[in-house]
Protein backbone atom coordinates (compact mmCIF):
# COMPACT_ATOMS: atom_id res chain seq x y z
CA MET A 1 141.44 134.35 86.41
CA ALA A 2 139.58 130.85 86.00
CA PRO A 3 135.88 131.31 84.86
CA ARG A 4 133.61 130.69 87.93
CA THR A 5 131.32 127.45 87.69
CA ARG A 6 128.28 127.14 89.47
CA SER A 7 127.37 124.14 91.89
CA SER A 8 124.97 123.11 94.19
CA PRO A 9 125.56 122.86 98.04
CA ARG A 10 125.92 119.17 97.32
CA GLY A 11 128.65 119.11 94.96
CA PRO A 12 129.00 120.26 91.01
CA ALA A 13 125.83 120.56 89.00
CA ASP A 14 124.13 117.42 87.77
CA PRO A 15 124.29 116.92 84.08
CA ASP A 16 120.71 115.14 84.13
CA ALA A 17 119.36 118.20 86.08
CA LEU A 18 121.05 120.32 83.38
CA ARG A 19 119.70 118.51 80.37
CA GLN A 20 116.16 118.31 82.13
CA ARG A 21 115.71 122.17 82.12
CA ARG A 22 116.87 122.13 78.43
CA THR A 23 114.10 119.73 77.44
CA ARG A 24 111.62 121.43 79.56
CA ALA A 25 112.05 124.67 77.92
CA LEU A 26 111.64 123.01 74.72
CA GLU A 27 108.41 121.28 75.74
CA GLU A 28 106.50 124.01 77.74
CA PRO A 29 104.84 126.75 76.11
CA LEU A 30 107.35 129.14 77.26
CA ASP A 31 106.88 132.62 75.27
CA SER A 32 109.85 135.11 75.56
CA ARG A 33 109.84 139.04 74.83
CA LEU A 34 112.86 141.30 75.02
CA ARG A 35 112.42 143.69 77.76
CA SER A 36 115.80 145.75 77.11
CA ARG A 37 119.13 145.37 75.47
CA ARG A 38 121.29 147.61 77.97
CA PRO A 39 122.96 147.49 79.89
CA TYR A 40 122.54 143.60 78.96
CA PRO A 41 120.05 141.41 77.44
CA THR A 42 116.74 141.07 79.82
CA VAL A 43 114.15 138.47 78.39
CA GLU A 44 110.48 138.23 79.96
CA VAL A 45 109.52 134.71 80.02
CA ARG A 46 106.10 133.64 80.17
CA ASN A 47 104.16 130.22 80.57
CA PRO A 48 100.59 131.02 79.70
CA LEU A 49 99.54 127.65 81.26
CA HIS A 50 100.93 128.10 84.62
CA ARG A 51 100.29 132.11 84.40
CA THR A 52 103.45 133.08 85.39
CA VAL A 53 106.34 135.66 84.21
CA TYR A 54 109.69 135.65 85.22
CA LEU A 55 112.82 137.93 84.21
CA VAL A 56 116.13 136.48 83.01
CA LEU A 57 118.97 138.44 83.03
CA LEU A 58 121.97 137.21 80.14
CA PRO A 59 125.17 139.82 81.25
CA GLU A 60 127.31 137.41 79.14
CA PHE A 61 124.87 136.38 76.39
CA PRO A 62 125.61 134.11 74.47
CA SER A 63 127.16 132.51 76.86
CA ARG A 64 124.86 131.54 80.02
CA SER A 65 127.43 131.38 82.74
CA SER A 66 126.29 134.35 84.71
CA ALA A 67 122.80 134.12 83.80
CA LEU A 68 120.08 135.08 86.50
CA CYS A 69 116.38 134.04 86.75
CA THR A 70 113.71 135.22 88.95
CA CYS A 71 112.16 131.64 89.65
CA THR A 72 112.49 129.98 92.54
CA ASP A 73 113.42 126.89 90.95
CA PHE A 74 116.88 129.10 89.81
CA ALA A 75 117.45 130.36 93.50
CA ARG A 76 116.69 126.89 95.19
CA ARG A 77 118.80 124.28 93.04
CA GLY A 78 122.01 126.10 92.32
CA LEU A 79 122.13 124.54 89.30
CA GLY A 80 123.29 127.79 87.30
CA THR A 81 120.09 127.41 85.05
CA CYS A 82 116.43 126.70 84.77
CA LYS A 83 114.08 126.14 81.87
CA HIS A 84 113.41 129.96 81.54
CA ILE A 85 117.43 130.65 81.31
CA GLU A 86 117.16 128.01 78.78
CA ALA A 87 114.40 129.41 76.92
CA ALA A 88 115.25 132.80 76.98
CA ALA A 89 118.89 132.21 75.58
CA ARG A 90 117.53 129.69 72.60
CA TRP A 91 114.78 132.60 71.86
CA LEU A 92 117.52 135.66 71.91
CA GLY A 93 119.70 133.06 69.59
CA ASP A 94 116.90 132.55 67.18
CA HIS A 95 116.04 136.52 67.26
CA PRO A 96 119.15 138.23 66.88
CA ASP A 97 117.39 141.58 65.34
CA ALA A 98 114.70 141.58 68.21
CA VAL A 99 113.48 144.83 69.12
CA PRO A 100 112.97 145.36 72.95
CA LEU A 101 109.62 146.65 74.64
CA ASP A 102 109.03 150.02 75.77
CA PRO A 103 111.19 149.53 78.95
CA ARG A 104 108.56 151.96 80.56
CA SER A 105 105.73 149.81 80.14
CA ASP A 106 105.26 146.33 82.04
CA ALA A 107 101.95 146.07 80.42
CA PRO A 108 100.91 144.57 77.42
CA SER A 109 99.70 147.30 74.71
CA PRO A 110 95.57 147.69 75.00
CA SER A 111 95.57 146.29 71.50
CA MET A 112 97.65 143.13 72.41
CA ALA A 113 95.70 142.56 75.91
CA ARG A 114 92.59 140.99 74.40
CA PRO A 115 94.43 138.46 72.28
CA TRP A 116 96.56 137.54 75.16
CA ARG A 117 93.61 136.73 77.50
CA ARG A 118 91.78 134.98 74.36
CA ILE A 119 95.13 132.76 73.88
CA ASP A 120 95.37 132.01 77.81
CA ALA A 121 91.50 130.91 77.80
CA MET A 122 92.02 128.55 74.81
CA ILE A 123 94.95 127.08 76.26
CA ALA A 124 93.67 126.64 79.77
CA ALA A 125 90.18 124.86 78.11
CA ALA A 126 92.16 122.50 75.86
CA THR A 127 94.21 121.03 78.99
CA ARG A 128 91.39 120.66 80.92
CA GLU A 129 88.99 118.74 78.30
CA PRO A 130 88.51 115.27 79.06
CA GLY A 131 89.67 112.95 76.86
CA THR A 132 91.86 115.41 74.73
CA ASP A 133 95.70 115.62 74.04
CA ALA A 134 96.79 119.14 73.47
CA ARG A 135 99.83 119.23 71.23
CA ARG A 136 101.84 122.57 70.85
CA ILE A 137 102.95 123.18 67.63
CA ARG A 138 105.64 125.77 67.67
CA ARG A 139 106.47 128.41 64.88
CA PRO A 140 108.66 131.72 65.57
CA GLY A 141 106.43 134.13 67.80
CA ALA A 142 103.37 131.51 67.80
CA VAL A 143 102.01 128.91 69.89
CA LEU A 144 99.31 126.99 68.16
CA LEU A 145 97.25 123.96 69.75
CA GLU A 146 95.77 121.09 68.54
CA ALA A 147 93.40 118.85 69.91
CA ASN A 148 93.41 115.12 69.15
CA GLU A 149 90.87 112.79 70.78
CA ARG A 150 92.86 109.66 72.29
């Protein structure tokens, strides 16, 4: 049986649109956390700037061919991918030994809730300041901001 390929109602997926999703996954400050490994990898992808959280399911990881995301871009466009799927697959590939979060708890631990609120406030303030350019510097597991005067 031939593998299924996803396409939009207008025809095959546009390579430029796929490339754009991959680029956005790298450029935007998306934080990924492994929710579970069984029955397949489920990754929570969080965007602190937009204050959104989506779940990405990767049943055939490392293949993205059957990946699913709860975002509207994935549901509407029919590309078979979105920036959240691209970010989750990349993160999972970079962190093969990641330990899943406790699947019974959707909320961050009390010890981490305060730092997350502080990080969200710093990102929001840095992007609102007139005359500054907020640049992200990525490290595994960290998002750092550096504000430069224009």
